[in-house]
Amino acid sequence: MGFFGYLNKIITKYGVSILLGIRTTLYISLVGTLVGLLIGMIVGGFRAVKLDYTAPFPLKAGKKIIDKILTVYIDIFRGTPMMVQAMFLYYAFLDLIGWSNLTAAVVVISINTGAYMAEIIRSGIQAIDAGQTEAARSLGMSNAQTMWYVILPQAIRNAFPAIGNELIVNIKDSSVLMILSINELMFQTKSIAGSTYRFIETYFLAAMIYFVLTKIAALIMNHIELRLNHQLTSIPQSDTSVNIYNTKEKEED
């Protein structure tokens, strides 16, 4: 029996286990990315907000302290491997309060993703023209309203490629969470390889599955990005603006 023969045998015999691993991998990746995006919006938005000189001193001092705490959080979770984070958080906190391995995995990947999303969102916010903030404030909006209704939607749209990339990274990096003994794809792959002793075929199959999952995720995110850009650029032009434009052209001629 050749390479493809053993590959077909593995798929036939362990197909249910592989599908379970794919489902778990997609679950923790999608939920972790969405929760991480929410964390990133809160953390990145808070860090990007600048208080003006009229703000009271206690408010300025409080924001400075929280900024320092959030900076430490971002530096730690961006500067250490997710595997180490998973082991530490699980045995130090999550296991003690009785959380399941799957819930612990989602928490770990969400907190890790949140640290990266915070910097992505903060960069997206800083790319927005400052005049929009001034215009919103002149309309009577508070800092929070300006951030939530004006700045954040544009920042998310600008940072959407990076957000999509985080989802793809999470699909691949979720493999390290096998150390928590959850039934994700890599855990199932290791179990199948240990049972069949066909390591090359089993890990080749896992690699192809990860490739297909990330490719599908990339295509979906690219489609959503194109739709967002289409909605942005296909705003109908009013007749008045067209007439004014034509009038200016005639005057120039």
C-alpha atoms as a PDB file:
ATOM      1  CA  MET A   1       0.000   0.000   0.000  1.00  0.00           C
ATOM      2  CA  GLY A   2       1.462   3.316  -1.090  1.00  0.00           C
ATOM      3  CA  PHE A   3       1.335   6.844   0.291  1.00  0.00           C
ATOM      4  CA  PHE A   4      -2.113   7.670  -1.047  1.00  0.00           C
ATOM      5  CA  GLY A   5      -3.427   4.277  -0.042  1.00  0.00           C
ATOM      6  CA  TYR A   6      -2.512   4.888   3.593  1.00  0.00           C
ATOM      7  CA  LEU A   7      -3.849   8.435   3.302  1.00  0.00           C
ATOM      8  CA  ASN A   8      -7.203   7.139   2.117  1.00  0.00           C
ATOM      9  CA  LYS A   9      -7.227   4.543   4.889  1.00  0.00           C
ATOM     10  CA  ILE A  10      -6.623   7.222   7.539  1.00  0.00           C
ATOM     11  CA  ILE A  11      -9.414   9.401   6.153  1.00  0.00           C
ATOM     12  CA  THR A  12     -11.827   6.462   5.994  1.00  0.00           C
ATOM     13  CA  LYS A  13     -11.081   5.139   9.473  1.00  0.00           C
ATOM     14  CA  TYR A  14     -10.560   8.402  11.369  1.00  0.00           C
ATOM     15  CA  GLY A  15     -12.709  10.812   9.358  1.00  0.00           C
ATOM     16  CA  VAL A  16     -15.088  11.476  12.262  1.00  0.00           C
ATOM     17  CA  SER A  17     -12.215  12.338  14.603  1.00  0.00           C
ATOM     18  CA  ILE A  18     -10.692  14.637  11.986  1.00  0.00           C
ATOM     19  CA  LEU A  19     -14.014  16.447  11.475  1.00  0.00           C
ATOM     20  CA  LEU A  20     -14.326  16.889  15.245  1.00  0.00           C
ATOM     21  CA  GLY A  21     -10.851  18.398  15.308  1.00  0.00           C
ATOM     22  CA  ILE A  22     -11.718  20.778  12.458  1.00  0.00           C
ATOM     23  CA  ARG A  23     -14.914  21.876  14.209  1.00  0.00           C
ATOM     24  CA  THR A  24     -13.095  22.555  17.474  1.00  0.00           C
ATOM     25  CA  THR A  25     -10.285  24.408  15.688  1.00  0.00           C
ATOM     26  CA  LEU A  26     -12.747  26.656  13.841  1.00  0.00           C
ATOM     27  CA  TYR A  27     -14.751  27.269  17.019  1.00  0.00           C
ATOM     28  CA  ILE A  28     -11.846  28.441  19.169  1.00  0.00           C
ATOM     29  CA  SER A  29     -10.363  30.432  16.262  1.00  0.00           C
ATOM     30  CA  LEU A  30     -13.571  32.288  15.366  1.00  0.00           C
ATOM     31  CA  VAL A  31     -14.701  32.935  18.940  1.00  0.00           C
ATOM     32  CA  GLY A  32     -11.173  33.874  20.007  1.00  0.00           C
ATOM     33  CA  THR A  33     -10.828  36.320  17.111  1.00  0.00           C
ATOM     34  CA  LEU A  34     -14.208  37.967  17.754  1.00  0.00           C
ATOM     35  CA  VAL A  35     -13.631  38.313  21.509  1.00  0.00           C
ATOM     36  CA  GLY A  36     -10.081  39.468  20.833  1.00  0.00           C
ATOM     37  CA  LEU A  37     -11.418  42.103  18.444  1.00  0.00           C
ATOM     38  CA  LEU A  38     -13.783  43.347  21.148  1.00  0.00           C
ATOM     39  CA  ILE A  39     -10.905  43.511  23.640  1.00  0.00           C
ATOM     40  CA  GLY A  40      -8.771  45.269  21.052  1.00  0.00           C
ATOM     41  CA  MET A  41     -11.488  47.851  20.353  1.00  0.00           C
ATOM     42  CA  ILE A  42     -11.787  48.658  24.050  1.00  0.00           C
ATOM     43  CA  VAL A  43      -8.062  48.694  24.808  1.00  0.00           C
ATOM     44  CA  GLY A  44      -6.973  50.322  21.545  1.00  0.00           C
ATOM     45  CA  GLY A  45      -9.757  52.897  21.681  1.00  0.00           C
ATOM     46  CA  PHE A  46      -8.936  53.812  25.273  1.00  0.00           C
ATOM     47  CA  ARG A  47      -5.227  54.186  24.525  1.00  0.00           C
ATOM     48  CA  ALA A  48      -5.923  56.292  21.440  1.00  0.00           C
ATOM     49  CA  VAL A  49      -8.171  58.773  23.256  1.00  0.00           C
ATOM     50  CA  LYS A  50      -6.332  61.977  24.100  1.00  0.00           C
ATOM     51  CA  LEU A  51      -7.662  64.154  26.895  1.00  0.00           C
ATOM     52  CA  ASP A  52      -7.566  67.900  26.277  1.00  0.00           C
ATOM     53  CA  TYR A  53      -6.094  70.443  28.660  1.00  0.00           C
ATOM     54  CA  THR A  54      -9.500  71.198  30.193  1.00  0.00           C
ATOM     55  CA  ALA A  55      -9.814  67.678  31.658  1.00  0.00           C
ATOM     56  CA  PRO A  56      -9.503  67.554  35.464  1.00  0.00           C
ATOM     57  CA  PHE A  57      -6.252  66.291  36.966  1.00  0.00           C
ATOM     58  CA  PRO A  58      -7.732  63.108  38.563  1.00  0.00           C
ATOM     59  CA  LEU A  59      -9.067  62.065  35.155  1.00  0.00           C
ATOM     60  CA  LYS A  60      -5.703  62.640  33.510  1.00  0.00           C
ATOM     61  CA  ALA A  61      -3.887  60.759  36.266  1.00  0.00           C
ATOM     62  CA  GLY A  62      -6.323  57.831  36.093  1.00  0.00           C
ATOM     63  CA  LYS A  63      -5.968  57.543  32.338  1.00  0.00           C
ATOM     64  CA  LYS A  64      -2.195  57.615  32.612  1.00  0.00           C
ATOM     65  CA  ILE A  65      -2.203  54.783  35.163  1.00  0.00           C
ATOM     66  CA  ILE A  66      -4.587  52.654  33.097  1.00  0.00           C
ATOM     67  CA  ASP A  67      -2.493  53.344  29.975  1.00  0.00           C
ATOM     68  CA  LYS A  68       0.546  51.944  31.773  1.00  0.00           C
ATOM     69  CA  ILE A  69      -1.363  48.817  32.832  1.00  0.00           C
ATOM     70  CA  LEU A  70      -2.675  48.246  29.302  1.00  0.00           C
ATOM     71  CA  THR A  71       0.825  48.737  27.878  1.00  0.00           C
ATOM     72  CA  VAL A  72       2.161  46.032  30.200  1.00  0.00           C
ATOM     73  CA  TYR A  73      -0.673  43.710  29.140  1.00  0.00           C
ATOM     74  CA  ILE A  74       0.089  44.250  25.453  1.00  0.00           C
ATOM     75  CA  ASP A  75       3.844  43.846  25.884  1.00  0.00           C
ATOM     76  CA  ILE A  76       3.516  40.610  27.864  1.00  0.00           C
ATOM     77  CA  PHE A  77       1.029  38.880  25.565  1.00  0.00           C
ATOM     78  CA  ARG A  78       2.791  39.996  22.399  1.00  0.00           C
ATOM     79  CA  GLY A  79       6.226  39.156  23.760  1.00  0.00           C
ATOM     80  CA  THR A  80       5.621  35.618  25.051  1.00  0.00           C
ATOM     81  CA  PRO A  81       4.568  32.408  23.222  1.00  0.00           C
ATOM     82  CA  MET A  82       0.896  31.455  23.324  1.00  0.00           C
ATOM     83  CA  MET A  83       1.858  27.974  24.525  1.00  0.00           C
ATOM     84  CA  VAL A  84       3.508  29.428  27.636  1.00  0.00           C
ATOM     85  CA  GLN A  85       0.529  31.714  28.209  1.00  0.00           C
ATOM     86  CA  ALA A  86      -1.863  28.770  27.934  1.00  0.00           C
ATOM     87  CA  MET A  87       0.055  26.658  30.426  1.00  0.00           C
ATOM     88  CA  PHE A  88       0.450  29.478  32.942  1.00  0.00           C
ATOM     89  CA  LEU A  89      -3.127  30.771  32.781  1.00  0.00           C
ATOM     90  CA  TYR A  90      -4.652  27.295  32.886  1.00  0.00           C
ATOM     91  CA  TYR A  91      -2.713  25.929  35.837  1.00  0.00           C
ATOM     92  CA  ALA A  92      -2.489  29.220  37.730  1.00  0.00           C
ATOM     93  CA  PHE A  93      -6.097  30.409  37.373  1.00  0.00           C
ATOM     94  CA  LEU A  94      -8.506  28.682  34.993  1.00  0.00           C
ATOM     95  CA  ASP A  95      -8.113  25.132  36.289  1.00  0.00           C
ATOM     96  CA  LEU A  96      -8.523  26.317  39.892  1.00  0.00           C
ATOM     97  CA  ILE A  97     -11.934  27.850  39.175  1.00  0.00           C
ATOM     98  CA  GLY A  98     -13.113  24.724  37.385  1.00  0.00           C
ATOM     99  CA  TRP A  99     -13.241  25.934  33.791  1.00  0.00           C
ATOM    100  CA  SER A 100     -13.210  23.283  31.086  1.00  0.00           C
ATOM    101  CA  ASN A 101     -10.210  22.861  28.797  1.00  0.00           C
ATOM    102  CA  LEU A 102     -12.166  24.175  25.823  1.00  0.00           C
ATOM    103  CA  THR A 103     -13.265  27.319  27.682  1.00  0.00           C
ATOM    104  CA  ALA A 104      -9.708  27.844  28.882  1.00  0.00           C
ATOM    105  CA  ALA A 105      -8.434  27.567  25.302  1.00  0.00           C
ATOM    106  CA  VAL A 106     -10.935  30.193  24.115  1.00  0.00           C
ATOM    107  CA  VAL A 107      -9.932  32.521  26.973  1.00  0.00           C
ATOM    108  CA  VAL A 108      -6.225  32.146  26.191  1.00  0.00           C
ATOM    109  CA  ILE A 109      -6.580  32.762  22.460  1.00  0.00           C
ATOM    110  CA  SER A 110      -8.964  35.696  23.090  1.00  0.00           C
ATOM    111  CA  ILE A 111      -6.601  37.463  25.504  1.00  0.00           C
ATOM    112  CA  ASN A 112      -3.636  36.833  23.218  1.00  0.00           C
ATOM    113  CA  THR A 113      -5.510  38.099  20.170  1.00  0.00           C
ATOM    114  CA  GLY A 114      -6.765  41.125  22.105  1.00  0.00           C
ATOM    115  CA  ALA A 115      -3.195  42.314  22.646  1.00  0.00           C
ATOM    116  CA  TYR A 116      -2.507  42.272  18.900  1.00  0.00           C
ATOM    117  CA  MET A 117      -5.909  43.705  18.008  1.00  0.00           C
ATOM    118  CA  ALA A 118      -5.363  46.606  20.406  1.00  0.00           C
ATOM    119  CA  GLU A 119      -2.336  47.765  18.439  1.00  0.00           C
ATOM    120  CA  ILE A 120      -4.108  47.173  15.124  1.00  0.00           C
ATOM    121  CA  ILE A 121      -7.102  49.254  16.203  1.00  0.00           C
ATOM    122  CA  ARG A 122      -4.917  51.961  17.716  1.00  0.00           C
ATOM    123  CA  SER A 123      -2.994  52.271  14.441  1.00  0.00           C
ATOM    124  CA  GLY A 124      -6.268  52.412  12.530  1.00  0.00           C
ATOM    125  CA  ILE A 125      -7.556  55.179  14.801  1.00  0.00           C
ATOM    126  CA  GLN A 126      -4.381  57.214  14.430  1.00  0.00           C
ATOM    127  CA  ALA A 127      -4.725  56.979  10.633  1.00  0.00           C
ATOM    128  CA  ILE A 128      -8.073  58.829  10.781  1.00  0.00           C
ATOM    129  CA  ASP A 129      -7.841  62.520   9.982  1.00  0.00           C
ATOM    130  CA  ALA A 130      -7.926  64.644  13.130  1.00  0.00           C
ATOM    131  CA  GLY A 131     -10.442  66.966  11.481  1.00  0.00           C
ATOM    132  CA  GLN A 132     -13.160  64.335  11.868  1.00  0.00           C
ATOM    133  CA  THR A 133     -12.707  64.324  15.625  1.00  0.00           C
ATOM    134  CA  GLU A 134     -12.852  68.116  15.699  1.00  0.00           C
ATOM    135  CA  ALA A 135     -15.992  68.110  13.561  1.00  0.00           C
ATOM    136  CA  ALA A 136     -17.699  65.574  15.830  1.00  0.00           C
ATOM    137  CA  ARG A 137     -16.772  67.529  18.930  1.00  0.00           C
ATOM    138  CA  SER A 138     -18.083  70.738  17.343  1.00  0.00           C
ATOM    139  CA  LEU A 139     -21.445  68.975  16.931  1.00  0.00           C
ATOM    140  CA  GLY A 140     -21.577  68.388  20.671  1.00  0.00           C
ATOM    141  CA  MET A 141     -20.378  64.779  20.790  1.00  0.00           C
ATOM    142  CA  SER A 142     -18.376  63.620  23.790  1.00  0.00           C
ATOM    143  CA  ASN A 143     -15.025  61.841  23.464  1.00  0.00           C
ATOM    144  CA  ALA A 144     -16.722  58.471  23.920  1.00  0.00           C
ATOM    145  CA  GLN A 145     -19.450  59.213  21.351  1.00  0.00           C
ATOM    146  CA  THR A 146     -16.898  60.476  18.845  1.00  0.00           C
ATOM    147  CA  MET A 147     -14.793  57.371  19.279  1.00  0.00           C
ATOM    148  CA  TRP A 148     -17.711  54.920  19.095  1.00  0.00           C
ATOM    149  CA  TYR A 149     -19.815  56.444  16.306  1.00  0.00           C
ATOM    150  CA  VAL A 150     -17.259  58.253  14.129  1.00  0.00           C
ATOM    151  CA  ILE A 151     -13.708  57.010  14.590  1.00  0.00           C
ATOM    152  CA  LEU A 152     -13.969  53.300  15.440  1.00  0.00           C
ATOM    153  CA  PRO A 153     -16.080  52.260  12.404  1.00  0.00           C
ATOM    154  CA  GLN A 154     -13.567  53.858  10.068  1.00  0.00           C
ATOM    155  CA  ALA A 155     -10.607  52.453  11.996  1.00  0.00           C
ATOM    156  CA  ILE A 156     -12.014  48.925  11.779  1.00  0.00           C
ATOM    157  CA  ARG A 157     -12.584  49.295   8.036  1.00  0.00           C
ATOM    158  CA  ASN A 158      -9.032  50.589   7.536  1.00  0.00           C
ATOM    159  CA  ALA A 159      -7.582  47.791   9.678  1.00  0.00           C
ATOM    160  CA  PHE A 160      -9.774  45.039   8.223  1.00  0.00           C
ATOM    161  CA  PRO A 161      -6.930  43.307   6.306  1.00  0.00           C
ATOM    162  CA  ALA A 162      -4.904  43.042   9.516  1.00  0.00           C
ATOM    163  CA  ILE A 163      -7.967  41.797  11.411  1.00  0.00           C
ATOM    164  CA  GLY A 164      -8.515  39.112   8.779  1.00  0.00           C
ATOM    165  CA  ASN A 165      -4.872  38.145   9.039  1.00  0.00           C
ATOM    166  CA  GLU A 166      -5.321  37.613  12.792  1.00  0.00           C
ATOM    167  CA  LEU A 167      -8.114  35.127  12.086  1.00  0.00           C
ATOM    168  CA  ILE A 168      -5.834  33.191   9.741  1.00  0.00           C
ATOM    169  CA  VAL A 169      -3.027  33.249  12.301  1.00  0.00           C
ATOM    170  CA  ASN A 170      -5.396  31.988  14.992  1.00  0.00           C
ATOM    171  CA  ILE A 171      -6.494  29.047  12.840  1.00  0.00           C
ATOM    172  CA  LYS A 172      -2.856  27.968  12.603  1.00  0.00           C
ATOM    173  CA  ASP A 173      -1.710  28.944  16.101  1.00  0.00           C
ATOM    174  CA  SER A 174      -4.628  27.148  17.728  1.00  0.00           C
ATOM    175  CA  SER A 175      -2.553  24.010  17.188  1.00  0.00           C
ATOM    176  CA  VAL A 176      -0.388  24.891  20.207  1.00  0.00           C
ATOM    177  CA  LEU A 177      -3.464  24.623  22.433  1.00  0.00           C
ATOM    178  CA  MET A 178      -3.283  20.860  22.081  1.00  0.00           C
ATOM    179  CA  ILE A 179      -1.261  21.022  25.318  1.00  0.00           C
ATOM    180  CA  LEU A 180      -4.570  21.712  27.091  1.00  0.00           C
ATOM    181  CA  SER A 181      -5.856  18.360  25.767  1.00  0.00           C
ATOM    182  CA  ILE A 182      -8.724  19.804  23.754  1.00  0.00           C
ATOM    183  CA  ASN A 183      -9.939  17.883  20.720  1.00  0.00           C
ATOM    184  CA  GLU A 184      -8.719  20.332  18.120  1.00  0.00           C
ATOM    185  CA  LEU A 185      -7.164  19.305  14.812  1.00  0.00           C
ATOM    186  CA  MET A 186      -3.554  19.000  15.964  1.00  0.00           C
ATOM    187  CA  PHE A 187      -4.522  16.955  19.031  1.00  0.00           C
ATOM    188  CA  GLN A 188      -6.497  14.566  16.837  1.00  0.00           C
ATOM    189  CA  THR A 189      -3.622  14.392  14.345  1.00  0.00           C
ATOM    190  CA  LYS A 190      -1.140  13.453  17.043  1.00  0.00           C
ATOM    191  CA  SER A 191      -3.502  10.780  18.388  1.00  0.00           C
ATOM    192  CA  ILE A 192      -4.069   9.290  14.923  1.00  0.00           C
ATOM    193  CA  ALA A 193      -0.350   9.309  14.132  1.00  0.00           C
ATOM    194  CA  GLY A 194       0.376   7.567  17.425  1.00  0.00           C
ATOM    195  CA  SER A 195      -2.240   4.906  16.690  1.00  0.00           C
ATOM    196  CA  THR A 196      -1.296   4.183  13.071  1.00  0.00           C
ATOM    197  CA  TYR A 197       2.467   4.934  13.135  1.00  0.00           C
ATOM    198  CA  ARG A 198       1.928   6.612   9.738  1.00  0.00           C
ATOM    199  CA  PHE A 199       3.400   9.965  10.690  1.00  0.00           C
ATOM    200  CA  ILE A 200       4.153  11.273   7.201  1.00  0.00           C
ATOM    201  CA  GLU A 201       0.670  10.632   5.806  1.00  0.00           C
ATOM    202  CA  THR A 202      -1.113  11.848   8.953  1.00  0.00           C
ATOM    203  CA  TYR A 203       0.770  15.122   9.274  1.00  0.00           C
ATOM    204  CA  PHE A 204       0.584  15.713   5.529  1.00  0.00           C
ATOM    205  CA  LEU A 205      -3.189  15.413   5.786  1.00  0.00           C
ATOM    206  CA  ALA A 206      -3.235  17.850   8.722  1.00  0.00           C
ATOM    207  CA  ALA A 207      -1.096  20.323   6.765  1.00  0.00           C
ATOM    208  CA  MET A 208      -3.474  20.165   3.808  1.00  0.00           C
ATOM    209  CA  ILE A 209      -6.495  20.694   6.074  1.00  0.00           C
ATOM    210  CA  TYR A 210      -4.881  23.744   7.700  1.00  0.00           C
ATOM    211  CA  PHE A 211      -4.022  25.076   4.244  1.00  0.00           C
ATOM    212  CA  VAL A 212      -7.609  24.680   3.020  1.00  0.00           C
ATOM    213  CA  LEU A 213      -9.054  26.284   6.173  1.00  0.00           C
ATOM    214  CA  THR A 214      -6.756  29.305   5.976  1.00  0.00           C
ATOM    215  CA  LYS A 215      -7.329  29.647   2.233  1.00  0.00           C
ATOM    216  CA  ILE A 216     -11.107  29.647   2.674  1.00  0.00           C
ATOM    217  CA  ALA A 217     -10.814  32.154   5.534  1.00  0.00           C
ATOM    218  CA  ALA A 218      -8.634  34.412   3.367  1.00  0.00           C
ATOM    219  CA  LEU A 219     -11.114  34.285   0.467  1.00  0.00           C
ATOM    220  CA  ILE A 220     -14.032  35.120   2.769  1.00  0.00           C
ATOM    221  CA  MET A 221     -12.187  38.025   4.389  1.00  0.00           C
ATOM    222  CA  ASN A 222     -11.097  39.352   0.981  1.00  0.00           C
ATOM    223  CA  HIS A 223     -14.706  39.213  -0.222  1.00  0.00           C
ATOM    224  CA  ILE A 224     -15.911  41.134   2.834  1.00  0.00           C
ATOM    225  CA  GLU A 225     -13.135  43.700   2.359  1.00  0.00           C
ATOM    226  CA  LEU A 226     -14.126  44.218  -1.280  1.00  0.00           C
ATOM    227  CA  ARG A 227     -17.755  44.705  -0.238  1.00  0.00           C
ATOM    228  CA  LEU A 228     -16.725  47.285   2.347  1.00  0.00           C
ATOM    229  CA  ASN A 229     -14.596  49.158  -0.175  1.00  0.00           C
ATOM    230  CA  HIS A 230     -17.400  48.977  -2.748  1.00  0.00           C
ATOM    231  CA  GLN A 231     -19.871  50.488  -0.303  1.00  0.00           C
ATOM    232  CA  LEU A 232     -17.368  53.228   0.459  1.00  0.00           C
ATOM    233  CA  THR A 233     -16.671  54.169  -3.173  1.00  0.00           C
ATOM    234  CA  SER A 234     -20.157  53.723  -4.648  1.00  0.00           C
ATOM    235  CA  ILE A 235     -21.837  56.625  -2.860  1.00  0.00           C
ATOM    236  CA  PRO A 236     -24.244  58.231  -5.375  1.00  0.00           C
ATOM    237  CA  GLN A 237     -23.403  61.764  -6.413  1.00  0.00           C
ATOM    238  CA  SER A 238     -26.124  64.381  -6.085  1.00  0.00           C
ATOM    239  CA  ASP A 239     -27.381  66.294  -9.132  1.00  0.00           C
ATOM    240  CA  THR A 240     -26.424  69.549  -7.462  1.00  0.00           C
ATOM    241  CA  SER A 241     -22.792  68.548  -7.100  1.00  0.00           C
ATOM    242  CA  VAL A 242     -22.729  67.410 -10.743  1.00  0.00           C
ATOM    243  CA  ASN A 243     -24.196  70.709 -11.935  1.00  0.00           C
ATOM    244  CA  ILE A 244     -21.702  72.676  -9.873  1.00  0.00           C
ATOM    245  CA  TYR A 245     -18.857  70.574 -11.278  1.00  0.00           C
ATOM    246  CA  ASN A 246     -20.081  71.090 -14.855  1.00  0.00           C
ATOM    247  CA  THR A 247     -20.483  74.826 -14.253  1.00  0.00           C
ATOM    248  CA  LYS A 248     -16.896  75.083 -13.012  1.00  0.00           C
ATOM    249  CA  GLU A 249     -15.675  73.226 -16.107  1.00  0.00           C
ATOM    250  CA  LYS A 250     -17.529  75.636 -18.379  1.00  0.00           C
ATOM    251  CA  GLU A 251     -16.115  78.656 -16.515  1.00  0.00           C
ATOM    252  CA  GLU A 252     -12.596  77.266 -16.893  1.00  0.00           C
ATOM    253  CA  ASP A 253     -13.149  76.748 -20.643  1.00  0.00           C
END
